[in-house]
Amino acid sequence: MAEELEEVQVVTITGEDGSEEYYAEAAVIEWDGKTFAILAPYSEDEDEEDSGDAIIARIDVEDGESVYVAPTDEEFEAVAKQYERMTEE
C-alpha cells in the first residue's frame, strides 16, 4: 500500500535581523472578510524539534501572489480567539 504524503505549505519569514525562519500552515482562518494563517515552526529534519511559537499572519494577495503580513492588534486578538475555540472542539 502506497503511503500518501501530506503536502505541507512552508512559508519563509525573514526576521528583522535578516535571519530566515520556516513555518508550516497549521490552519487557515477567515475573519472579517480577510484570510489569516496560523503558522507553526517547521523543520524538514524529523529528529529536530520545532522550537519557537506559532505566529498569526494575514494573507494578502499582491500581483496574484500570496503575501504574509503582520495582522493589526485587533485582527490578531480576534483570530487568536477563533483559533483557540477551534482547538478546544
PDB file of N, CA and C in Angstrom:
ATOM      1  N   MET A   1       0.843  -1.181   0.000  1.00  0.00           N
ATOM      2  CA  MET A   1       0.000   0.000   0.000  1.00  0.00           C
ATOM      3  C   MET A   1       0.891   1.248   0.000  1.00  0.00           C
ATOM      4  N   ALA A   2       0.657   2.115  -0.918  1.00  0.00           N
ATOM      5  CA  ALA A   2       1.458   3.328  -1.019  1.00  0.00           C
ATOM      6  C   ALA A   2       1.055   4.315   0.072  1.00  0.00           C
ATOM      7  N   GLU A   3       2.067   4.893   0.691  1.00  0.00           N
ATOM      8  CA  GLU A   3       1.818   5.878   1.747  1.00  0.00           C
ATOM      9  C   GLU A   3       1.627   7.249   1.108  1.00  0.00           C
ATOM     10  N   GLU A   4       0.518   7.899   1.432  1.00  0.00           N
ATOM     11  CA  GLU A   4       0.271   9.233   0.895  1.00  0.00           C
ATOM     12  C   GLU A   4       0.917  10.270   1.795  1.00  0.00           C
ATOM     13  N   LEU A   5       1.681  11.141   1.184  1.00  0.00           N
ATOM     14  CA  LEU A   5       2.328  12.206   1.933  1.00  0.00           C
ATOM     15  C   LEU A   5       1.454  13.445   1.882  1.00  0.00           C
ATOM     16  N   GLU A   6       1.285  14.053   3.037  1.00  0.00           N
ATOM     17  CA  GLU A   6       0.503  15.281   3.107  1.00  0.00           C
ATOM     18  C   GLU A   6       1.379  16.441   2.649  1.00  0.00           C
ATOM     19  N   GLU A   7       0.848  17.234   1.730  1.00  0.00           N
ATOM     20  CA  GLU A   7       1.607  18.381   1.244  1.00  0.00           C
ATOM     21  C   GLU A   7       1.616  19.464   2.315  1.00  0.00           C
ATOM     22  N   VAL A   8       2.790  19.951   2.620  1.00  0.00           N
ATOM     23  CA  VAL A   8       2.943  20.969   3.646  1.00  0.00           C
ATOM     24  C   VAL A   8       3.258  22.295   2.969  1.00  0.00           C
ATOM     25  N   GLN A   9       2.478  23.323   3.299  1.00  0.00           N
ATOM     26  CA  GLN A   9       2.734  24.671   2.789  1.00  0.00           C
ATOM     27  C   GLN A   9       3.769  25.307   3.706  1.00  0.00           C
ATOM     28  N   VAL A  10       5.006  25.467   3.225  1.00  0.00           N
ATOM     29  CA  VAL A  10       6.078  26.048   4.035  1.00  0.00           C
ATOM     30  C   VAL A  10       6.248  27.510   3.658  1.00  0.00           C
ATOM     31  N   VAL A  11       6.308  28.352   4.677  1.00  0.00           N
ATOM     32  CA  VAL A  11       6.432  29.793   4.497  1.00  0.00           C
ATOM     33  C   VAL A  11       7.746  30.237   5.123  1.00  0.00           C
ATOM     34  N   THR A  12       8.506  31.044   4.400  1.00  0.00           N
ATOM     35  CA  THR A  12       9.762  31.584   4.920  1.00  0.00           C
ATOM     36  C   THR A  12       9.496  33.002   5.414  1.00  0.00           C
ATOM     37  N   ILE A  13       9.805  33.232   6.684  1.00  0.00           N
ATOM     38  CA  ILE A  13       9.650  34.560   7.277  1.00  0.00           C
ATOM     39  C   ILE A  13      11.050  35.102   7.551  1.00  0.00           C
ATOM     40  N   THR A  14      11.319  36.301   7.062  1.00  0.00           N
ATOM     41  CA  THR A  14      12.612  36.941   7.303  1.00  0.00           C
ATOM     42  C   THR A  14      12.476  37.878   8.484  1.00  0.00           C
ATOM     43  N   GLY A  15      13.282  37.634   9.515  1.00  0.00           N
ATOM     44  CA  GLY A  15      13.241  38.445  10.723  1.00  0.00           C
ATOM     45  C   GLY A  15      13.885  39.800  10.516  1.00  0.00           C
ATOM     46  N   GLU A  16      13.736  40.649  11.515  1.00  0.00           N
ATOM     47  CA  GLU A  16      14.307  41.997  11.439  1.00  0.00           C
ATOM     48  C   GLU A  16      15.825  41.960  11.302  1.00  0.00           C
ATOM     49  N   ASP A  17      16.444  40.886  11.853  1.00  0.00           N
ATOM     50  CA  ASP A  17      17.906  40.771  11.777  1.00  0.00           C
ATOM     51  C   ASP A  17      18.364  40.096  10.482  1.00  0.00           C
ATOM     52  N   GLY A  18      17.414  39.784   9.582  1.00  0.00           N
ATOM     53  CA  GLY A  18      17.747  39.182   8.300  1.00  0.00           C
ATOM     54  C   GLY A  18      17.768  37.658   8.317  1.00  0.00           C
ATOM     55  N   SER A  19      17.577  37.061   9.486  1.00  0.00           N
ATOM     56  CA  SER A  19      17.580  35.600   9.555  1.00  0.00           C
ATOM     57  C   SER A  19      16.266  35.050   9.021  1.00  0.00           C
ATOM     58  N   GLU A  20      16.330  33.854   8.427  1.00  0.00           N
ATOM     59  CA  GLU A  20      15.129  33.241   7.875  1.00  0.00           C
ATOM     60  C   GLU A  20      14.641  32.140   8.807  1.00  0.00           C
ATOM     61  N   GLU A  21      13.336  32.119   9.027  1.00  0.00           N
ATOM     62  CA  GLU A  21      12.710  31.072   9.817  1.00  0.00           C
ATOM     63  C   GLU A  21      11.637  30.443   8.955  1.00  0.00           C
ATOM     64  N   TYR A  22      11.419  29.140   9.157  1.00  0.00           N
ATOM     65  CA  TYR A  22      10.472  28.408   8.338  1.00  0.00           C
ATOM     66  C   TYR A  22       9.258  28.012   9.166  1.00  0.00           C
ATOM     67  N   TYR A  23       8.094  28.189   8.568  1.00  0.00           N
ATOM     68  CA  TYR A  23       6.828  27.880   9.234  1.00  0.00           C
ATOM     69  C   TYR A  23       5.950  27.073   8.292  1.00  0.00           C
ATOM     70  N   ALA A  24       5.105  26.231   8.878  1.00  0.00           N
ATOM     71  CA  ALA A  24       4.119  25.466   8.114  1.00  0.00           C
ATOM     72  C   ALA A  24       2.735  25.983   8.482  1.00  0.00           C
ATOM     73  N   GLU A  25       1.860  26.045   7.496  1.00  0.00           N
ATOM     74  CA  GLU A  25       0.486  26.484   7.760  1.00  0.00           C
ATOM     75  C   GLU A  25      -0.217  25.408   8.573  1.00  0.00           C
ATOM     76  N   ALA A  26      -0.556  25.733   9.818  1.00  0.00           N
ATOM     77  CA  ALA A  26      -1.266  24.792  10.680  1.00  0.00           C
ATOM     78  C   ALA A  26      -2.769  24.917  10.491  1.00  0.00           C
ATOM     79  N   ALA A  27      -3.225  26.116  10.139  1.00  0.00           N
ATOM     80  CA  ALA A  27      -4.653  26.354   9.924  1.00  0.00           C
ATOM     81  C   ALA A  27      -4.822  27.644   9.137  1.00  0.00           C
ATOM     82  N   VAL A  28      -5.938  27.725   8.437  1.00  0.00           N
ATOM     83  CA  VAL A  28      -6.301  28.953   7.729  1.00  0.00           C
ATOM     84  C   VAL A  28      -7.663  29.368   8.265  1.00  0.00           C
ATOM     85  N   ILE A  29      -7.779  30.627   8.667  1.00  0.00           N
ATOM     86  CA  ILE A  29      -8.992  31.140   9.302  1.00  0.00           C
ATOM     87  C   ILE A  29      -9.473  32.377   8.541  1.00  0.00           C
ATOM     88  N   GLU A  30     -10.769  32.420   8.288  1.00  0.00           N
ATOM     89  CA  GLU A  30     -11.384  33.604   7.674  1.00  0.00           C
ATOM     90  C   GLU A  30     -11.951  34.460   8.800  1.00  0.00           C
ATOM     91  N   TRP A  31     -11.674  35.764   8.754  1.00  0.00           N
ATOM     92  CA  TRP A  31     -12.238  36.693   9.735  1.00  0.00           C
ATOM     93  C   TRP A  31     -12.390  38.061   9.090  1.00  0.00           C
ATOM     94  N   ASP A  32     -13.549  38.637   9.235  1.00  0.00           N
ATOM     95  CA  ASP A  32     -13.835  39.993   8.757  1.00  0.00           C
ATOM     96  C   ASP A  32     -13.493  40.161   7.267  1.00  0.00           C
ATOM     97  N   GLY A  33     -13.779  39.105   6.476  1.00  0.00           N
ATOM     98  CA  GLY A  33     -13.536  39.177   5.039  1.00  0.00           C
ATOM     99  C   GLY A  33     -12.085  39.016   4.634  1.00  0.00           C
ATOM    100  N   LYS A  34     -11.229  38.688   5.581  1.00  0.00           N
ATOM    101  CA  LYS A  34      -9.806  38.519   5.291  1.00  0.00           C
ATOM    102  C   LYS A  34      -9.387  37.102   5.654  1.00  0.00           C
ATOM    103  N   THR A  35      -8.267  36.660   5.099  1.00  0.00           N
ATOM    104  CA  THR A  35      -7.750  35.318   5.355  1.00  0.00           C
ATOM    105  C   THR A  35      -6.488  35.417   6.201  1.00  0.00           C
ATOM    106  N   PHE A  36      -6.418  34.552   7.217  1.00  0.00           N
ATOM    107  CA  PHE A  36      -5.269  34.523   8.123  1.00  0.00           C
ATOM    108  C   PHE A  36      -4.724  33.106   8.204  1.00  0.00           C
ATOM    109  N   ALA A  37      -3.434  32.989   8.425  1.00  0.00           N
ATOM    110  CA  ALA A  37      -2.807  31.681   8.584  1.00  0.00           C
ATOM    111  C   ALA A  37      -2.204  31.581   9.976  1.00  0.00           C
ATOM    112  N   ILE A  38      -2.399  30.414  10.593  1.00  0.00           N
ATOM    113  CA  ILE A  38      -1.682  30.087  11.821  1.00  0.00           C
ATOM    114  C   ILE A  38      -0.439  29.356  11.354  1.00  0.00           C
ATOM    115  N   LEU A  39       0.721  29.906  11.634  1.00  0.00           N
ATOM    116  CA  LEU A  39       1.982  29.343  11.162  1.00  0.00           C
ATOM    117  C   LEU A  39       2.760  28.751  12.325  1.00  0.00           C
ATOM    118  N   ALA A  40       3.074  27.453  12.229  1.00  0.00           N
ATOM    119  CA  ALA A  40       3.821  26.751  13.265  1.00  0.00           C
ATOM    120  C   ALA A  40       5.265  26.577  12.802  1.00  0.00           C
ATOM    121  N   PRO A  41       6.233  26.662  13.726  1.00  0.00           N
ATOM    122  CA  PRO A  41       7.635  26.457  13.342  1.00  0.00           C
ATOM    123  C   PRO A  41       7.786  25.122  12.600  1.00  0.00           C
ATOM    124  N   TYR A  42       8.647  25.107  11.577  1.00  0.00           N
ATOM    125  CA  TYR A  42       8.780  23.931  10.718  1.00  0.00           C
ATOM    126  C   TYR A  42      10.248  23.590  10.509  1.00  0.00           C
ATOM    127  N   SER A  43      10.522  22.285  10.500  1.00  0.00           N
ATOM    128  CA  SER A  43      11.853  21.796  10.172  1.00  0.00           C
ATOM    129  C   SER A  43      11.691  20.534   9.347  1.00  0.00           C
ATOM    130  N   GLU A  44      12.476  20.401   8.274  1.00  0.00           N
ATOM    131  CA  GLU A  44      12.409  19.183   7.455  1.00  0.00           C
ATOM    132  C   GLU A  44      13.065  18.009   8.169  1.00  0.00           C
ATOM    133  N   ASP A  45      13.950  18.283   9.108  1.00  0.00           N
ATOM    134  CA  ASP A  45      14.639  17.243   9.862  1.00  0.00           C
ATOM    135  C   ASP A  45      13.691  16.703  10.930  1.00  0.00           C
ATOM    136  N   GLU A  46      13.226  15.465  10.753  1.00  0.00           N
ATOM    137  CA  GLU A  46      12.248  14.893  11.681  1.00  0.00           C
ATOM    138  C   GLU A  46      12.805  14.738  13.094  1.00  0.00           C
ATOM    139  N   ASP A  47      14.131  14.614  13.226  1.00  0.00           N
ATOM    140  CA  ASP A  47      14.737  14.445  14.541  1.00  0.00           C
ATOM    141  C   ASP A  47      14.873  15.767  15.290  1.00  0.00           C
ATOM    142  N   GLU A  48      14.842  16.863  14.540  1.00  0.00           N
ATOM    143  CA  GLU A  48      14.996  18.188  15.145  1.00  0.00           C
ATOM    144  C   GLU A  48      13.642  18.672  15.634  1.00  0.00           C
ATOM    145  N   GLU A  49      13.584  19.046  16.901  1.00  0.00           N
ATOM    146  CA  GLU A  49      12.314  19.546  17.430  1.00  0.00           C
ATOM    147  C   GLU A  49      12.075  20.956  16.934  1.00  0.00           C
ATOM    148  N   ASP A  50      10.814  21.213  16.595  1.00  0.00           N
ATOM    149  CA  ASP A  50      10.445  22.568  16.191  1.00  0.00           C
ATOM    150  C   ASP A  50      10.449  23.442  17.433  1.00  0.00           C
ATOM    151  N   SER A  51      11.198  24.519  17.364  1.00  0.00           N
ATOM    152  CA  SER A  51      11.241  25.402  18.520  1.00  0.00           C
ATOM    153  C   SER A  51      10.614  26.732  18.141  1.00  0.00           C
ATOM    154  N   GLY A  52      10.121  27.401  19.139  1.00  0.00           N
ATOM    155  CA  GLY A  52       9.506  28.692  18.882  1.00  0.00           C
ATOM    156  C   GLY A  52       7.998  28.594  18.955  1.00  0.00           C
ATOM    157  N   ASP A  53       7.380  29.741  18.862  1.00  0.00           N
ATOM    158  CA  ASP A  53       5.933  29.819  18.978  1.00  0.00           C
ATOM    159  C   ASP A  53       5.294  29.931  17.604  1.00  0.00           C
ATOM    160  N   ALA A  54       4.044  29.516  17.545  1.00  0.00           N
ATOM    161  CA  ALA A  54       3.268  29.717  16.326  1.00  0.00           C
ATOM    162  C   ALA A  54       2.985  31.213  16.192  1.00  0.00           C
ATOM    163  N   ILE A  55       2.808  31.650  14.967  1.00  0.00           N
ATOM    164  CA  ILE A  55       2.503  33.054  14.721  1.00  0.00           C
ATOM    165  C   ILE A  55       1.235  33.149  13.862  1.00  0.00           C
ATOM    166  N   ILE A  56       0.639  34.311  13.861  1.00  0.00           N
ATOM    167  CA  ILE A  56      -0.536  34.578  13.033  1.00  0.00           C
ATOM    168  C   ILE A  56      -0.127  35.593  11.973  1.00  0.00           C
ATOM    169  N   ALA A  57      -0.473  35.288  10.720  1.00  0.00           N
ATOM    170  CA  ALA A  57      -0.173  36.212   9.626  1.00  0.00           C
ATOM    171  C   ALA A  57      -1.425  36.409   8.783  1.00  0.00           C
ATOM    172  N   ARG A  58      -1.630  37.637   8.326  1.00  0.00           N
ATOM    173  CA  ARG A  58      -2.722  37.904   7.395  1.00  0.00           C
ATOM    174  C   ARG A  58      -2.196  37.588   5.995  1.00  0.00           C
ATOM    175  N   ILE A  59      -3.030  36.946   5.179  1.00  0.00           N
ATOM    176  CA  ILE A  59      -2.618  36.621   3.816  1.00  0.00           C
ATOM    177  C   ILE A  59      -3.247  37.641   2.875  1.00  0.00           C
ATOM    178  N   ASP A  60      -2.420  38.483   2.316  1.00  0.00           N
ATOM    179  CA  ASP A  60      -2.854  39.448   1.319  1.00  0.00           C
ATOM    180  C   ASP A  60      -2.431  38.919  -0.050  1.00  0.00           C
ATOM    181  N   VAL A  61      -3.123  39.318  -1.096  1.00  0.00           N
ATOM    182  CA  VAL A  61      -2.744  38.927  -2.445  1.00  0.00           C
ATOM    183  C   VAL A  61      -2.265  40.177  -3.177  1.00  0.00           C
ATOM    184  N   GLU A  62      -1.008  40.127  -3.624  1.00  0.00           N
ATOM    185  CA  GLU A  62      -0.414  41.238  -4.371  1.00  0.00           C
ATOM    186  C   GLU A  62       0.118  40.681  -5.686  1.00  0.00           C
ATOM    187  N   ASP A  63      -0.324  41.219  -6.795  1.00  0.00           N
ATOM    188  CA  ASP A  63       0.087  40.765  -8.122  1.00  0.00           C
ATOM    189  C   ASP A  63      -0.122  39.261  -8.298  1.00  0.00           C
ATOM    190  N   GLY A  64      -1.225  38.743  -7.737  1.00  0.00           N
ATOM    191  CA  GLY A  64      -1.550  37.336  -7.880  1.00  0.00           C
ATOM    192  C   GLY A  64      -0.778  36.409  -6.952  1.00  0.00           C
ATOM    193  N   GLU A  65       0.083  36.945  -6.113  1.00  0.00           N
ATOM    194  CA  GLU A  65       0.889  36.156  -5.184  1.00  0.00           C
ATOM    195  C   GLU A  65       0.396  36.350  -3.758  1.00  0.00           C
ATOM    196  N   SER A  66       0.400  35.273  -2.975  1.00  0.00           N
ATOM    197  CA  SER A  66       0.053  35.374  -1.553  1.00  0.00           C
ATOM    198  C   SER A  66       1.228  35.981  -0.802  1.00  0.00           C
ATOM    199  N   VAL A  67       0.930  36.989   0.004  1.00  0.00           N
ATOM    200  CA  VAL A  67       1.946  37.657   0.802  1.00  0.00           C
ATOM    201  C   VAL A  67       1.497  37.593   2.255  1.00  0.00           C
ATOM    202  N   TYR A  68       2.374  37.128   3.130  1.00  0.00           N
ATOM    203  CA  TYR A  68       2.055  37.016   4.549  1.00  0.00           C
ATOM    204  C   TYR A  68       2.530  38.270   5.263  1.00  0.00           C
ATOM    205  N   VAL A  69       1.585  38.964   5.919  1.00  0.00           N
ATOM    206  CA  VAL A  69       1.911  40.210   6.610  1.00  0.00           C
ATOM    207  C   VAL A  69       1.415  40.151   8.051  1.00  0.00           C
ATOM    208  N   ALA A  70       1.998  40.993   8.875  1.00  0.00           N
ATOM    209  CA  ALA A  70       1.593  41.044  10.285  1.00  0.00           C
ATOM    210  C   ALA A  70       0.183  41.612  10.393  1.00  0.00           C
ATOM    211  N   PRO A  71      -0.665  40.978  11.194  1.00  0.00           N
ATOM    212  CA  PRO A  71      -2.024  41.495  11.379  1.00  0.00           C
ATOM    213  C   PRO A  71      -2.019  42.691  12.324  1.00  0.00           C
ATOM    214  N   THR A  72      -3.115  43.456  12.310  1.00  0.00           N
ATOM    215  CA  THR A  72      -3.263  44.522  13.296  1.00  0.00           C
ATOM    216  C   THR A  72      -3.509  43.866  14.657  1.00  0.00           C
ATOM    217  N   ASP A  73      -3.417  44.637  15.719  1.00  0.00           N
ATOM    218  CA  ASP A  73      -3.675  44.095  17.058  1.00  0.00           C
ATOM    219  C   ASP A  73      -5.089  43.538  17.153  1.00  0.00           C
ATOM    220  N   GLU A  74      -6.069  44.246  16.588  1.00  0.00           N
ATOM    221  CA  GLU A  74      -7.461  43.802  16.624  1.00  0.00           C
ATOM    222  C   GLU A  74      -7.619  42.474  15.874  1.00  0.00           C
ATOM    223  N   GLU A  75      -7.006  42.382  14.688  1.00  0.00           N
ATOM    224  CA  GLU A  75      -7.070  41.147  13.906  1.00  0.00           C
ATOM    225  C   GLU A  75      -6.425  39.996  14.661  1.00  0.00           C
ATOM    226  N   PHE A  76      -5.258  40.262  15.248  1.00  0.00           N
ATOM    227  CA  PHE A  76      -4.544  39.231  15.989  1.00  0.00           C
ATOM    228  C   PHE A  76      -5.400  38.666  17.110  1.00  0.00           C
ATOM    229  N   GLU A  77      -5.977  39.545  17.915  1.00  0.00           N
ATOM    230  CA  GLU A  77      -6.805  39.114  19.053  1.00  0.00           C
ATOM    231  C   GLU A  77      -7.995  38.287  18.582  1.00  0.00           C
ATOM    232  N   ALA A  78      -8.690  38.741  17.553  1.00  0.00           N
ATOM    233  CA  ALA A  78      -9.887  38.046  17.067  1.00  0.00           C
ATOM    234  C   ALA A  78      -9.538  36.678  16.493  1.00  0.00           C
ATOM    235  N   VAL A  79      -8.480  36.602  15.711  1.00  0.00           N
ATOM    236  CA  VAL A  79      -8.089  35.333  15.087  1.00  0.00           C
ATOM    237  C   VAL A  79      -7.553  34.362  16.145  1.00  0.00           C
ATOM    238  N   ALA A  80      -6.803  34.880  17.116  1.00  0.00           N
ATOM    239  CA  ALA A  80      -6.289  34.023  18.190  1.00  0.00           C
ATOM    240  C   ALA A  80      -7.447  33.400  18.970  1.00  0.00           C
ATOM    241  N   LYS A  81      -8.471  34.187  19.264  1.00  0.00           N
ATOM    242  CA  LYS A  81      -9.636  33.661  19.984  1.00  0.00           C
ATOM    243  C   LYS A  81     -10.359  32.605  19.146  1.00  0.00           C
ATOM    244  N   GLN A  82     -10.510  32.872  17.859  1.00  0.00           N
ATOM    245  CA  GLN A  82     -11.186  31.919  16.981  1.00  0.00           C
ATOM    246  C   GLN A  82     -10.380  30.616  16.904  1.00  0.00           C
ATOM    247  N   TYR A  83      -9.063  30.715  16.828  1.00  0.00           N
ATOM    248  CA  TYR A  83      -8.213  29.520  16.758  1.00  0.00           C
ATOM    249  C   TYR A  83      -8.306  28.711  18.057  1.00  0.00           C
ATOM    250  N   GLU A  84      -8.336  29.411  19.196  1.00  0.00           N
ATOM    251  CA  GLU A  84      -8.494  28.722  20.491  1.00  0.00           C
ATOM    252  C   GLU A  84      -9.783  27.924  20.521  1.00  0.00           C
ATOM    253  N   ARG A  85     -10.870  28.537  20.038  1.00  0.00           N
ATOM    254  CA  ARG A  85     -12.160  27.826  20.004  1.00  0.00           C
ATOM    255  C   ARG A  85     -12.069  26.600  19.097  1.00  0.00           C
ATOM    256  N   MET A  86     -11.381  26.722  17.971  1.00  0.00           N
ATOM    257  CA  MET A  86     -11.241  25.598  17.045  1.00  0.00           C
ATOM    258  C   MET A  86     -10.471  24.445  17.688  1.00  0.00           C
ATOM    259  N   THR A  87      -9.431  24.757  18.431  1.00  0.00           N
ATOM    260  CA  THR A  87      -8.593  23.709  19.001  1.00  0.00           C
ATOM    261  C   THR A  87      -9.239  23.077  20.228  1.00  0.00           C
ATOM    262  N   GLU A  88     -10.192  23.763  20.847  1.00  0.00           N
ATOM    263  CA  GLU A  88     -10.882  23.199  22.009  1.00  0.00           C
ATOM    264  C   GLU A  88     -11.942  22.186  21.598  1.00  0.00           C
ATOM    265  N   GLU A  89     -12.438  22.291  20.380  1.00  0.00           N
ATOM    266  CA  GLU A  89     -13.520  21.408  19.912  1.00  0.00           C
ATOM    267  C   GLU A  89     -13.017  20.034  19.574  1.00  0.00           C
TER     268      GLU A  89
END
